[in-house]
Amino acid sequence: MKVTEIAFVGYPVTDLKRARAFYEGTLGLTKSRVFGNEENGWIEYDIGAGTLSIGNMAPDWKSSPNGGAAGLEVENFDEAVARIKAEGHKVTAGPFESPVCHMMVVLDPDGNSVVIHKRKG
């Protein structure tokens, strides 16, 4: 078996409307597909070759501050940082610079980590 790309990253959320405000409003993502309804559903956001999904359709799938993280490549890192800080979202790491990129970790409304990322060069 050879894995060639990330098919999707999924985050469980408790309040779909609040989560969509963060992912679509703050992060500027555009929904690709919606399953279910505004209260109980699964939302997909296609980003390049991958998909970021949020949902609350599985009762045993719970958000956790110790769970995984999706790294989202942004066009303008400084602009993304400024918007997240201006909206008062909790930043748990950064912003910082590595030899190859800039990163910051922000929590979504359910405590899931989202990495804001910008490659250098």
C-alpha atoms as a PDB file:
ATOM      1  CA  MET A   1       0.000   0.000   0.000  1.00  0.00           C
ATOM      2  CA  LYS A   2       1.187   3.541  -0.832  1.00  0.00           C
ATOM      3  CA  VAL A   3      -0.557   6.553   0.668  1.00  0.00           C
ATOM      4  CA  THR A   4      -0.274   9.537  -1.685  1.00  0.00           C
ATOM      5  CA  GLU A   5      -2.204  12.362   0.019  1.00  0.00           C
ATOM      6  CA  ILE A   6      -4.533  13.237   2.854  1.00  0.00           C
ATOM      7  CA  ALA A   7      -8.084  12.450   1.731  1.00  0.00           C
ATOM      8  CA  PHE A   8      -9.692  14.458   4.519  1.00  0.00           C
ATOM      9  CA  VAL A   9      -9.249  15.701   8.058  1.00  0.00           C
ATOM     10  CA  GLY A  10     -12.352  15.605  10.229  1.00  0.00           C
ATOM     11  CA  TYR A  11     -13.182  17.473  13.418  1.00  0.00           C
ATOM     12  CA  PRO A  12     -16.110  16.730  15.716  1.00  0.00           C
ATOM     13  CA  VAL A  13     -18.020  19.824  16.803  1.00  0.00           C
ATOM     14  CA  THR A  14     -20.757  20.449  19.360  1.00  0.00           C
ATOM     15  CA  ASP A  15     -22.546  23.404  17.742  1.00  0.00           C
ATOM     16  CA  LEU A  16     -22.587  23.210  13.944  1.00  0.00           C
ATOM     17  CA  LYS A  17     -23.739  26.808  13.419  1.00  0.00           C
ATOM     18  CA  ARG A  18     -21.018  28.209  15.707  1.00  0.00           C
ATOM     19  CA  ALA A  19     -18.387  25.969  14.102  1.00  0.00           C
ATOM     20  CA  ARG A  20     -19.407  27.061  10.597  1.00  0.00           C
ATOM     21  CA  ALA A  21     -19.073  30.714  11.645  1.00  0.00           C
ATOM     22  CA  PHE A  22     -15.453  29.982  12.600  1.00  0.00           C
ATOM     23  CA  TYR A  23     -14.493  27.857   9.583  1.00  0.00           C
ATOM     24  CA  GLU A  24     -16.414  29.877   6.977  1.00  0.00           C
ATOM     25  CA  GLY A  25     -16.287  33.327   8.592  1.00  0.00           C
ATOM     26  CA  THR A  26     -12.948  33.530  10.388  1.00  0.00           C
ATOM     27  CA  LEU A  27     -10.965  31.120   8.188  1.00  0.00           C
ATOM     28  CA  GLY A  28     -12.780  32.046   4.969  1.00  0.00           C
ATOM     29  CA  LEU A  29     -13.441  28.474   3.803  1.00  0.00           C
ATOM     30  CA  THR A  30     -16.213  27.744   1.307  1.00  0.00           C
ATOM     31  CA  LYS A  31     -18.400  24.712   1.919  1.00  0.00           C
ATOM     32  CA  SER A  32     -18.181  22.038  -0.767  1.00  0.00           C
ATOM     33  CA  ARG A  33     -20.793  19.609   0.498  1.00  0.00           C
ATOM     34  CA  VAL A  34     -23.395  19.560   3.269  1.00  0.00           C
ATOM     35  CA  PHE A  35     -24.996  16.406   4.660  1.00  0.00           C
ATOM     36  CA  GLY A  36     -27.737  16.531   7.262  1.00  0.00           C
ATOM     37  CA  ASN A  37     -29.093  19.864   8.436  1.00  0.00           C
ATOM     38  CA  GLU A  38     -28.067  23.028  10.330  1.00  0.00           C
ATOM     39  CA  GLU A  39     -28.349  21.300  13.725  1.00  0.00           C
ATOM     40  CA  ASN A  40     -27.006  17.819  13.003  1.00  0.00           C
ATOM     41  CA  GLY A  41     -24.748  17.458  10.005  1.00  0.00           C
ATOM     42  CA  TRP A  42     -21.430  16.974   8.247  1.00  0.00           C
ATOM     43  CA  ILE A  43     -19.852  19.864   6.318  1.00  0.00           C
ATOM     44  CA  GLU A  44     -16.963  19.427   3.863  1.00  0.00           C
ATOM     45  CA  TYR A  45     -14.528  22.098   2.700  1.00  0.00           C
ATOM     46  CA  ASP A  46     -12.344  21.162  -0.280  1.00  0.00           C
ATOM     47  CA  ILE A  47      -8.898  22.729   0.036  1.00  0.00           C
ATOM     48  CA  GLY A  48      -6.572  21.895  -2.833  1.00  0.00           C
ATOM     49  CA  ALA A  49      -6.446  18.109  -3.168  1.00  0.00           C
ATOM     50  CA  GLY A  50      -7.714  17.507   0.374  1.00  0.00           C
ATOM     51  CA  THR A  51     -10.887  18.027   2.354  1.00  0.00           C
ATOM     52  CA  LEU A  52     -11.475  19.423   5.844  1.00  0.00           C
ATOM     53  CA  SER A  53     -14.705  18.153   7.415  1.00  0.00           C
ATOM     54  CA  ILE A  54     -16.630  19.146  10.525  1.00  0.00           C
ATOM     55  CA  GLY A  55     -19.645  17.422  11.956  1.00  0.00           C
ATOM     56  CA  ASN A  56     -21.741  16.280  14.860  1.00  0.00           C
ATOM     57  CA  MET A  57     -23.604  13.332  13.330  1.00  0.00           C
ATOM     58  CA  ALA A  58     -21.827  10.600  15.338  1.00  0.00           C
ATOM     59  CA  PRO A  59     -22.716  10.837  19.043  1.00  0.00           C
ATOM     60  CA  ASP A  60     -19.559   9.004  20.187  1.00  0.00           C
ATOM     61  CA  TRP A  61     -17.208  11.253  18.183  1.00  0.00           C
ATOM     62  CA  LYS A  62     -16.221  14.015  20.634  1.00  0.00           C
ATOM     63  CA  SER A  63     -13.936  17.030  20.265  1.00  0.00           C
ATOM     64  CA  SER A  64     -10.773  17.067  22.380  1.00  0.00           C
ATOM     65  CA  PRO A  65      -8.001  19.562  22.982  1.00  0.00           C
ATOM     66  CA  ASN A  66      -5.621  16.580  22.787  1.00  0.00           C
ATOM     67  CA  GLY A  67      -6.827  15.424  19.372  1.00  0.00           C
ATOM     68  CA  GLY A  68      -5.304  15.902  15.959  1.00  0.00           C
ATOM     69  CA  ALA A  69      -4.766  19.099  14.037  1.00  0.00           C
ATOM     70  CA  ALA A  70      -5.218  20.191  10.459  1.00  0.00           C
ATOM     71  CA  GLY A  71      -2.549  22.430   8.976  1.00  0.00           C
ATOM     72  CA  LEU A  72      -4.127  25.051   6.726  1.00  0.00           C
ATOM     73  CA  GLU A  73      -1.833  26.788   4.260  1.00  0.00           C
ATOM     74  CA  VAL A  74      -2.724  30.493   4.030  1.00  0.00           C
ATOM     75  CA  GLU A  75      -1.905  33.047   1.355  1.00  0.00           C
ATOM     76  CA  ASN A  76      -1.094  35.903   3.757  1.00  0.00           C
ATOM     77  CA  PHE A  77       0.122  34.715   7.154  1.00  0.00           C
ATOM     78  CA  ASP A  78       0.218  38.145   8.822  1.00  0.00           C
ATOM     79  CA  GLU A  79      -3.339  38.891   7.709  1.00  0.00           C
ATOM     80  CA  ALA A  80      -4.567  35.533   9.037  1.00  0.00           C
ATOM     81  CA  VAL A  81      -2.848  36.101  12.394  1.00  0.00           C
ATOM     82  CA  ALA A  82      -4.301  39.600  12.698  1.00  0.00           C
ATOM     83  CA  ARG A  83      -7.843  38.417  11.955  1.00  0.00           C
ATOM     84  CA  ILE A  84      -7.712  35.521  14.414  1.00  0.00           C
ATOM     85  CA  LYS A  85      -6.348  37.764  17.164  1.00  0.00           C
ATOM     86  CA  ALA A  86      -8.843  40.557  16.410  1.00  0.00           C
ATOM     87  CA  GLU A  87     -11.727  38.095  16.720  1.00  0.00           C
ATOM     88  CA  GLY A  88     -10.413  36.921  20.098  1.00  0.00           C
ATOM     89  CA  HIS A  89      -9.868  33.245  19.293  1.00  0.00           C
ATOM     90  CA  LYS A  90      -7.558  31.361  21.676  1.00  0.00           C
ATOM     91  CA  VAL A  91      -4.047  30.957  20.284  1.00  0.00           C
ATOM     92  CA  THR A  92      -2.140  28.087  21.907  1.00  0.00           C
ATOM     93  CA  ALA A  93       1.179  28.401  20.044  1.00  0.00           C
ATOM     94  CA  GLY A  94       2.926  31.100  18.055  1.00  0.00           C
ATOM     95  CA  PRO A  95       2.953  32.764  15.803  1.00  0.00           C
ATOM     96  CA  PHE A  96       6.473  31.507  15.235  1.00  0.00           C
ATOM     97  CA  GLU A  97       8.927  30.960  12.426  1.00  0.00           C
ATOM     98  CA  SER A  98      10.843  27.826  11.498  1.00  0.00           C
ATOM     99  CA  PRO A  99      13.530  27.558   8.835  1.00  0.00           C
ATOM    100  CA  VAL A 100      10.867  26.597   6.257  1.00  0.00           C
ATOM    101  CA  CYS A 101       7.583  28.143   7.395  1.00  0.00           C
ATOM    102  CA  HIS A 102       5.512  30.363   9.694  1.00  0.00           C
ATOM    103  CA  MET A 103       2.921  28.761  11.998  1.00  0.00           C
ATOM    104  CA  MET A 104       0.346  29.527  14.635  1.00  0.00           C
ATOM    105  CA  VAL A 105      -2.045  27.168  16.430  1.00  0.00           C
ATOM    106  CA  VAL A 106      -5.564  28.421  17.195  1.00  0.00           C
ATOM    107  CA  LEU A 107      -8.440  26.589  18.854  1.00  0.00           C
ATOM    108  CA  ASP A 108     -11.802  26.307  17.138  1.00  0.00           C
ATOM    109  CA  PRO A 109     -14.918  26.852  19.288  1.00  0.00           C
ATOM    110  CA  ASP A 110     -14.817  23.204  20.464  1.00  0.00           C
ATOM    111  CA  GLY A 111     -11.146  23.208  21.486  1.00  0.00           C
ATOM    112  CA  ASN A 112      -9.773  21.475  18.373  1.00  0.00           C
ATOM    113  CA  SER A 113      -6.356  22.720  17.244  1.00  0.00           C
ATOM    114  CA  VAL A 114      -6.081  24.301  13.795  1.00  0.00           C
ATOM    115  CA  VAL A 115      -2.598  25.129  12.491  1.00  0.00           C
ATOM    116  CA  ILE A 116      -2.353  28.293  10.400  1.00  0.00           C
ATOM    117  CA  HIS A 117       0.637  27.709   8.128  1.00  0.00           C
ATOM    118  CA  LYS A 118       2.645  29.577   5.470  1.00  0.00           C
ATOM    119  CA  ARG A 119       5.548  28.009   3.617  1.00  0.00           C
ATOM    120  CA  LYS A 120       8.564  30.217   2.932  1.00  0.00           C
ATOM    121  CA  GLY A 121       9.717  30.880  -0.592  1.00  0.00           C
END
